[in-house]
Protein backbone atom coordinates (compact mmCIF):
# COMPACT_ATOMS: atom_id res chain seq x y z
CA UNK A 1 -39.24 -41.05 -20.86
CA UNK A 2 -37.16 -40.47 -17.78
CA UNK A 3 -38.00 -43.19 -15.30
CA UNK A 4 -36.32 -44.29 -12.09
CA UNK A 5 -37.37 -46.55 -9.27
CA UNK A 6 -39.07 -45.22 -6.18
CA UNK A 7 -41.02 -46.70 -3.33
CA UNK A 8 -43.73 -44.23 -2.21
CA UNK A 9 -45.02 -44.55 1.34
CA UNK A 10 -48.28 -46.46 1.83
CA UNK A 11 -50.20 -47.28 4.99
CA UNK A 12 -51.19 -50.68 3.59
CA UNK A 13 -48.17 -51.92 1.64
CA UNK A 14 -45.01 -50.79 -0.10
CA UNK A 15 -45.73 -51.07 -3.83
CA UNK A 16 -42.89 -50.98 -6.29
CA UNK A 17 -43.10 -47.75 -8.26
CA UNK A 18 -41.48 -45.89 -11.07
CA UNK A 19 -41.84 -42.30 -12.14
CA UNK A 20 -43.47 -41.80 -15.51
CA UNK A 21 -44.00 -38.56 -17.43
CA UNK A 22 -47.63 -38.18 -18.49
CA UNK A 23 -47.18 -35.05 -20.61
CA UNK A 24 -44.50 -32.78 -22.06
CA UNK A 25 -43.97 -29.52 -20.10
CA UNK A 26 -42.40 -27.96 -23.21
CA UNK A 27 -45.61 -28.51 -25.15
CA UNK A 28 -47.64 -26.94 -22.35
CA UNK A 29 -45.28 -23.93 -22.24
CA UNK A 30 -45.71 -23.42 -26.00
CA UNK A 31 -49.49 -23.53 -25.65
CA UNK A 32 -49.39 -21.06 -22.76
CA UNK A 33 -47.13 -18.67 -24.69
CA UNK A 34 -49.55 -18.65 -27.62
CA UNK A 35 -52.42 -17.82 -25.30
CA UNK A 36 -50.52 -14.86 -23.89
CA UNK A 37 -50.01 -13.54 -27.43
CA UNK A 38 -53.66 -13.95 -28.36
CA UNK A 39 -56.39 -11.37 -27.96
CA UNK A 40 -59.65 -11.86 -26.03
CA UNK A 41 -57.64 -13.26 -23.17
CA UNK A 42 -60.60 -13.26 -20.82
CA UNK A 43 -62.16 -15.97 -23.02
CA UNK A 44 -59.19 -18.22 -22.30
CA UNK A 45 -58.83 -17.75 -18.55
CA UNK A 46 -59.90 -21.34 -17.82
CA UNK A 47 -57.51 -22.77 -20.38
CA UNK A 48 -54.67 -20.62 -19.06
CA UNK A 49 -55.39 -21.84 -15.53
CA UNK A 50 -55.21 -25.45 -16.72
CA UNK A 51 -51.81 -24.91 -18.37
CA UNK A 52 -50.47 -23.14 -15.30
CA UNK A 53 -51.76 -25.93 -13.10
CA UNK A 54 -50.04 -28.54 -15.28
CA UNK A 55 -46.72 -26.74 -15.03
CA UNK A 56 -47.16 -26.28 -11.29
CA UNK A 57 -47.80 -29.98 -10.71
CA UNK A 58 -45.24 -31.18 -13.22
CA UNK A 59 -45.47 -34.24 -15.48
CA UNK A 60 -44.20 -36.92 -13.08
CA UNK A 61 -46.62 -39.50 -11.70
CA UNK A 62 -46.16 -42.76 -9.85
CA UNK A 63 -46.56 -45.89 -11.93
CA UNK A 64 -47.11 -48.54 -9.28
CA UNK A 65 -47.36 -52.29 -9.12
CA UNK A 66 -47.52 -54.76 -6.22
CA UNK A 67 -44.17 -55.81 -4.76
CA UNK A 68 -44.42 -59.46 -5.71
CA UNK A 69 -47.51 -61.43 -6.64
CA UNK A 70 -49.83 -60.57 -3.75
CA UNK A 71 -51.66 -63.09 -1.64
CA UNK A 72 -55.11 -62.86 -3.16
CA UNK A 73 -56.73 -65.62 -1.11
CA UNK A 74 -58.79 -63.07 0.79
CA UNK A 75 -60.19 -61.62 -2.43
CA UNK A 76 -61.02 -65.05 -3.83
CA UNK A 77 -62.93 -65.77 -0.64
CA UNK A 78 -64.64 -62.38 -0.43
CA UNK A 79 -65.51 -62.28 -4.16
CA UNK A 80 -66.00 -65.94 -5.10
CA UNK A 81 -67.99 -65.16 -8.26
CA UNK A 82 -65.09 -63.06 -9.61
CA UNK A 83 -62.55 -65.91 -9.63
CA UNK A 84 -61.99 -65.80 -13.40
CA UNK A 85 -61.34 -62.05 -13.28
CA UNK A 86 -58.94 -62.44 -10.36
CA UNK A 87 -57.10 -65.20 -12.25
CA UNK A 88 -56.57 -62.78 -15.15
CA UNK A 89 -55.30 -60.00 -12.87
CA UNK A 90 -52.93 -62.43 -11.16
CA UNK A 91 -51.41 -63.37 -14.52
CA UNK A 92 -50.81 -59.72 -15.41
CA UNK A 93 -49.21 -59.04 -12.02
CA UNK A 94 -46.94 -62.06 -12.42
CA UNK A 95 -45.74 -60.80 -15.82
CA UNK A 96 -44.68 -57.48 -14.30
CA UNK A 97 -42.58 -59.05 -11.54
CA UNK A 98 -38.78 -59.35 -11.63
CA UNK A 99 -38.58 -56.79 -14.43
CA UNK A 100 -38.57 -53.06 -15.00
CA UNK A 101 -41.85 -53.29 -16.89
CA UNK A 102 -44.89 -51.54 -15.51
CA UNK A 103 -48.09 -53.36 -14.78
CA UNK A 104 -50.32 -53.69 -17.85
CA UNK A 105 -53.84 -55.05 -17.46
CA UNK A 106 -55.92 -55.67 -20.55
CA UNK A 107 -59.11 -53.55 -20.40
CA UNK A 108 -61.94 -55.64 -18.99
CA UNK A 109 -65.70 -55.71 -19.12
CA UNK A 110 -67.50 -57.13 -16.10
CA UNK A 111 -70.82 -58.32 -17.48
CA UNK A 112 -73.58 -59.43 -15.15
CA UNK A 113 -76.84 -58.58 -13.36
CA UNK A 114 -77.07 -55.46 -11.20
CA UNK A 115 -76.09 -55.57 -7.56
CA UNK A 116 -73.58 -58.44 -7.72
CA UNK A 117 -70.60 -56.34 -6.67
CA UNK A 118 -68.96 -55.25 -9.93
CA UNK A 119 -68.09 -51.76 -8.71
CA UNK A 120 -67.01 -53.11 -5.32
CA UNK A 121 -64.66 -55.49 -7.13
CA UNK A 122 -63.08 -52.53 -8.96
CA UNK A 123 -62.43 -50.74 -5.67
CA UNK A 124 -60.83 -53.86 -4.21
CA UNK A 125 -58.65 -54.23 -7.30
CA UNK A 126 -57.44 -50.63 -7.06
CA UNK A 127 -56.50 -51.24 -3.42
CA UNK A 128 -54.72 -54.48 -4.31
CA UNK A 129 -52.67 -52.81 -7.04
CA UNK A 130 -51.79 -49.82 -4.85
CA UNK A 131 -53.16 -47.21 -7.26
CA UNK A 132 -56.06 -44.78 -7.25
CA UNK A 133 -59.55 -45.27 -8.64
CA UNK A 134 -61.85 -42.97 -10.60
CA UNK A 135 -65.51 -43.89 -11.09
CA UNK A 136 -67.29 -42.65 -14.23
CA UNK A 137 -71.03 -43.50 -14.12
CA UNK A 138 -72.03 -43.57 -17.78
CA UNK A 139 -75.73 -43.66 -16.98
CA UNK A 140 -75.48 -39.97 -16.09
CA UNK A 141 -73.34 -38.95 -19.05
CA UNK A 142 -75.09 -37.41 -22.03
CA UNK A 143 -72.12 -35.96 -23.90
CA UNK A 144 -68.93 -37.54 -25.15
CA UNK A 145 -66.80 -34.62 -23.96
CA UNK A 146 -67.10 -35.75 -20.34
CA UNK A 147 -64.45 -38.36 -21.12
CA UNK A 148 -62.37 -36.46 -23.65
CA UNK A 149 -63.04 -32.80 -22.82
CA UNK A 150 -64.77 -30.12 -24.89
CA UNK A 151 -63.18 -27.47 -27.06
CA UNK A 152 -62.14 -24.40 -25.09
CA UNK A 153 -64.14 -22.32 -27.58
CA UNK A 154 -67.37 -23.59 -26.02
CA UNK A 155 -68.81 -21.75 -23.04
CA UNK A 156 -68.44 -23.74 -19.84
CA UNK A 157 -66.00 -26.17 -21.45
CA UNK A 158 -63.54 -28.06 -19.29
CA UNK A 159 -61.09 -30.96 -19.53
CA UNK A 160 -62.39 -34.52 -19.58
CA UNK A 161 -62.27 -37.05 -16.77
CA UNK A 162 -59.27 -38.94 -18.16
CA UNK A 163 -57.21 -35.75 -18.34
CA UNK A 164 -58.24 -34.82 -14.79
CA UNK A 165 -57.35 -38.28 -13.44
CA UNK A 166 -53.83 -38.09 -14.85
CA UNK A 167 -53.07 -34.38 -14.33
CA UNK A 168 -54.68 -33.93 -10.93
CA UNK A 169 -54.03 -37.45 -9.64
CA UNK A 170 -50.89 -39.04 -8.26
CA UNK A 171 -50.67 -42.03 -10.57
CA UNK A 172 -49.81 -42.73 -14.19
CA UNK A 173 -51.78 -45.98 -13.98
CA UNK A 174 -54.99 -45.25 -12.07
CA UNK A 175 -57.91 -47.62 -12.21
CA UNK A 176 -60.68 -45.92 -14.19
CA UNK A 177 -64.07 -47.58 -13.91
CA UNK A 178 -66.56 -46.86 -16.68
CA UNK A 179 -69.66 -47.95 -14.79
CA UNK A 180 -72.78 -49.12 -16.64
CA UNK A 181 -71.21 -48.59 -20.05
CA UNK A 182 -74.29 -50.15 -21.65
CA UNK A 183 -76.40 -47.22 -20.39
CA UNK A 184 -74.34 -44.52 -22.09
CA UNK A 185 -76.62 -42.14 -23.94
CA UNK A 186 -75.90 -39.52 -26.55
CA UNK A 187 -76.86 -38.23 -29.93
CA UNK A 188 -75.26 -38.24 -33.36
CA UNK A 189 -73.08 -35.26 -32.47
CA UNK A 190 -71.74 -36.48 -29.12
CA UNK A 191 -70.79 -40.13 -28.70
CA UNK A 192 -70.13 -40.83 -25.00
CA UNK A 193 -68.00 -43.82 -25.93
CA UNK A 194 -66.11 -42.16 -28.79
CA UNK A 195 -62.97 -41.46 -26.75
CA UNK A 196 -62.69 -45.11 -25.72
CA UNK A 197 -61.80 -46.20 -29.25
CA UNK A 198 -58.34 -44.68 -28.79
CA UNK A 199 -58.08 -44.91 -25.00
CA UNK A 200 -58.52 -48.70 -24.95
CA UNK A 201 -55.70 -49.19 -27.49
CA UNK A 202 -52.25 -49.07 -25.90
CA UNK A 203 -50.49 -47.42 -28.85
CA UNK A 204 -52.99 -44.63 -29.47
CA UNK A 205 -53.52 -44.03 -25.74
CA UNK A 206 -49.85 -43.00 -25.43
CA UNK A 207 -50.71 -39.67 -27.06
CA UNK A 208 -54.32 -39.13 -26.13
CA UNK A 209 -55.33 -35.51 -26.73
CA UNK A 210 -57.97 -33.93 -24.56
CA UNK A 211 -60.11 -31.61 -26.69
CA UNK A 212 -60.04 -28.82 -24.09
CA UNK A 213 -56.32 -28.69 -23.30
CA UNK A 214 -55.13 -29.93 -26.73
CA UNK A 215 -52.02 -31.38 -25.09
CA UNK A 216 -50.99 -34.99 -25.63
CA UNK A 217 -51.39 -37.09 -22.48
CA UNK A 218 -49.93 -40.54 -21.92
CA UNK A 219 -52.97 -42.60 -20.90
CA UNK A 220 -51.46 -45.91 -21.99
CA UNK A 221 -50.96 -47.16 -18.43
CA UNK A 222 -54.53 -46.58 -17.25
CA UNK A 223 -56.19 -49.76 -15.95
CA UNK A 224 -59.65 -49.83 -17.50
CA UNK A 225 -62.58 -51.64 -15.94
CA UNK A 226 -66.00 -51.32 -17.51
CA UNK A 227 -69.22 -52.77 -16.15
CA UNK A 228 -72.50 -53.61 -17.86
CA UNK A 229 -75.70 -55.52 -17.33
CA UNK A 230 -76.18 -56.22 -21.05
CA UNK A 231 -73.57 -56.14 -23.81
CA UNK A 232 -75.97 -55.79 -26.75
CA UNK A 233 -75.85 -51.99 -26.76
CA UNK A 234 -72.05 -51.83 -26.61
CA UNK A 235 -70.44 -51.35 -30.06
CA UNK A 236 -68.43 -54.34 -31.27
CA UNK A 237 -65.22 -52.29 -31.74
CA UNK A 238 -65.37 -51.43 -28.03
CA UNK A 239 -66.09 -55.03 -27.01
CA UNK A 240 -63.20 -56.25 -29.16
CA UNK A 241 -60.77 -54.09 -27.22
CA UNK A 242 -61.59 -55.73 -23.88
CA UNK A 243 -61.52 -59.07 -22.11
CA UNK A 244 -65.18 -59.83 -21.39
CA UNK A 245 -65.97 -61.67 -18.16
CA UNK A 246 -69.51 -62.87 -17.56
CA UNK A 247 -69.91 -62.62 -13.80
CA UNK A 248 -72.71 -64.77 -12.45
CA UNK A 249 -74.72 -63.94 -9.38
CA UNK A 250 -73.22 -65.86 -6.44
CA UNK A 251 -74.58 -69.26 -5.53
CA UNK A 252 -76.42 -69.47 -2.24
CA UNK A 253 -73.33 -70.89 -0.52
CA UNK A 254 -71.16 -68.16 -2.04
CA UNK A 255 -73.67 -65.52 -0.95
CA UNK A 256 -73.48 -66.84 2.62
CA UNK A 257 -69.69 -66.58 2.47
CA UNK A 258 -69.90 -63.02 1.14
CA UNK A 259 -72.34 -62.07 3.91
CA UNK A 260 -70.16 -63.62 6.61
CA UNK A 261 -67.03 -61.84 5.34
CA UNK A 262 -68.89 -58.55 5.13
CA UNK A 263 -70.23 -58.98 8.68
CA UNK A 264 -66.71 -59.55 9.98
CA UNK A 265 -65.24 -56.71 7.91
CA UNK A 266 -67.76 -54.14 9.16
CA UNK A 267 -67.40 -55.34 12.75
CA UNK A 268 -63.60 -55.18 12.59
CA UNK A 269 -63.67 -51.71 11.03
CA UNK A 270 -65.50 -50.03 13.91
CA UNK A 271 -64.70 -49.68 17.59
CA UNK A 272 -68.29 -50.63 18.43
CA UNK A 273 -67.64 -53.96 16.75
CA UNK A 274 -66.03 -55.30 19.93
CA UNK A 275 -69.47 -55.16 21.55
CA UNK A 276 -70.92 -57.58 18.99
CA UNK A 277 -70.42 -61.29 18.40
CA UNK A 278 -67.49 -62.14 16.12
CA UNK A 279 -69.65 -64.56 14.10
CA UNK A 280 -73.16 -64.02 12.68
CA UNK A 281 -75.94 -66.50 13.44
CA UNK A 282 -76.78 -69.05 10.76
CA UNK A 283 -80.35 -67.83 10.31
CA UNK A 284 -79.05 -64.27 9.85
CA UNK A 285 -76.76 -65.52 7.09
CA UNK A 286 -79.69 -67.35 5.50
CA UNK A 287 -81.59 -64.06 5.21
CA UNK A 288 -78.60 -62.01 4.05
CA UNK A 289 -77.79 -64.59 1.40
CA UNK A 290 -81.05 -63.78 -0.38
CA UNK A 291 -79.87 -60.21 -1.07
CA UNK A 292 -77.69 -58.84 -3.85
CA UNK A 293 -74.25 -58.11 -2.36
CA UNK A 294 -74.72 -54.35 -2.71
CA UNK A 295 -77.71 -54.51 -0.33
CA UNK A 296 -76.02 -56.64 2.31
CA UNK A 297 -74.01 -53.79 3.79
CA UNK A 298 -77.07 -51.59 4.34
CA UNK A 299 -78.95 -54.49 5.91
CA UNK A 300 -76.02 -55.34 8.20
CA UNK A 301 -75.66 -51.74 9.38
CA UNK A 302 -79.37 -51.73 10.24
CA UNK A 303 -78.97 -55.05 12.01
CA UNK A 304 -75.96 -53.92 14.02
CA UNK A 305 -77.75 -50.76 15.06
CA UNK A 306 -80.91 -52.57 16.16
CA UNK A 307 -78.89 -55.12 18.13
CA UNK A 308 -77.14 -52.33 20.01
CA UNK A 309 -80.45 -50.57 20.69
CA UNK A 310 -81.51 -53.75 22.47
CA UNK A 311 -78.12 -53.96 24.20
CA UNK A 312 -77.46 -57.34 22.61
CA UNK A 313 -74.15 -58.67 21.33
CA UNK A 314 -75.93 -61.04 18.95
CA UNK A 315 -77.63 -59.80 15.79
CA UNK A 316 -80.94 -61.54 15.17
CA UNK A 317 -83.10 -61.89 12.07
CA UNK A 318 -85.57 -59.43 13.58
CA UNK A 319 -82.82 -56.80 13.63
CA UNK A 320 -82.54 -56.84 9.83
CA UNK A 321 -84.78 -54.66 7.64
CA UNK A 322 -88.29 -56.12 7.54
CA UNK A 323 -88.29 -56.44 3.75
CA UNK A 324 -85.24 -58.71 3.89
CA UNK A 325 -86.96 -61.65 5.55
CA UNK A 326 -89.43 -62.08 2.71
CA UNK A 327 -86.90 -62.26 -0.10
CA UNK A 328 -86.78 -65.24 -2.44
CA UNK A 329 -83.68 -66.68 -4.03
CA UNK A 330 -84.44 -65.20 -7.43
CA UNK A 331 -81.26 -63.89 -9.05
CA UNK A 332 -78.94 -66.35 -7.34
CA UNK A 333 -77.43 -69.42 -8.92
CA UNK A 334 -78.77 -72.53 -7.25
C-alpha cells in the first residue's frame, strides 16, 4: 500500500497520521464496467451509485495515532472504574510510538451493568486517539446484513455499516462501537454477529467483502469496542477474539468524583456556566453519587436550570429532579 506521513489539522491536537488505501480503485472500475455491460440496469442503480461514489472519494483515508503517549490523567480521574481498560489502551499507544507502525488496539469487550458509562468511555477514547467513532446499537439490529451489507439482488439492499464507515468516513482506523452486543437478535438465516468472525481477526479483516458492493475493503485497522451487560449470550468464538474487561459500577467515592468532574465539564462548556459556582455543594454530590453515570448529566442540567430560574449561583439538592433524592446506593460498589 502506498503510505506517506501527513499531519491533518485538528482543533484539539495534531495527531500523527499516515495515508492508507482502504480499497482498490481498479477493482471498483472493473465492477462498474461489468454493470454497464449488464442488462436490467435500473435494478443496479444503487450499486452503480456506490461504485461511482467510491471512485469519487478515492481510496485514501487517514490512519491516525496520538503524537506521543498522551497525558491520560484526566481520563483516569473522569473514568476511575475504567482504569484497567485505559492501561491497555496506553500500552497499545506506546507500542505505536517512535515507529512507522499504525496504532493497533486489540478488540475489547466492556462488560458491566447498564448505565456505568461504557458508551461514554468509547467516545472519550475516540477523541483521545484522534479518530472518528461509529455507534452500532445491536439491540435494534435484527439482520446480519446491517454490519456486512445485503446482496444487491435484494430489494432495498444497501452496504453495511462497516463499509459505510470506511468509504464515507475520513479514517482508516475509526472506532466502531458495537453497543449491547449481548442483545443482538436474529434467526437461523441472518446472524447479526456473523460478520464479526472475520472483522475481529486482523488477517481476514484486511480483505473484508461487503455483500452489497462485493469489493474487498481493508478493515484491519478498525478499533473495535463492544459493550455488554451479560456475556453468556455472546458466542465463545467472538469472546475469544477480544480482551474482556469487567467494568464494575463506581464506588461511592468514585461516583462523587465522576459527578464533580461532570459538573465542572458542563459548566465550563457553556457561557452560562460563569454565572454558577465553580464547585458543587457536598450534599449535591451525595445525591448525584447515587445515580448511574448516564443519568448524572440529565440531573445536572435540570439542577443548573432550576438554579438559574431562582437566580442563584449555587445549585442545591432541591434543584435536582425529585426522584434523585430518594435513590439508594444499590448498584454501586461500597
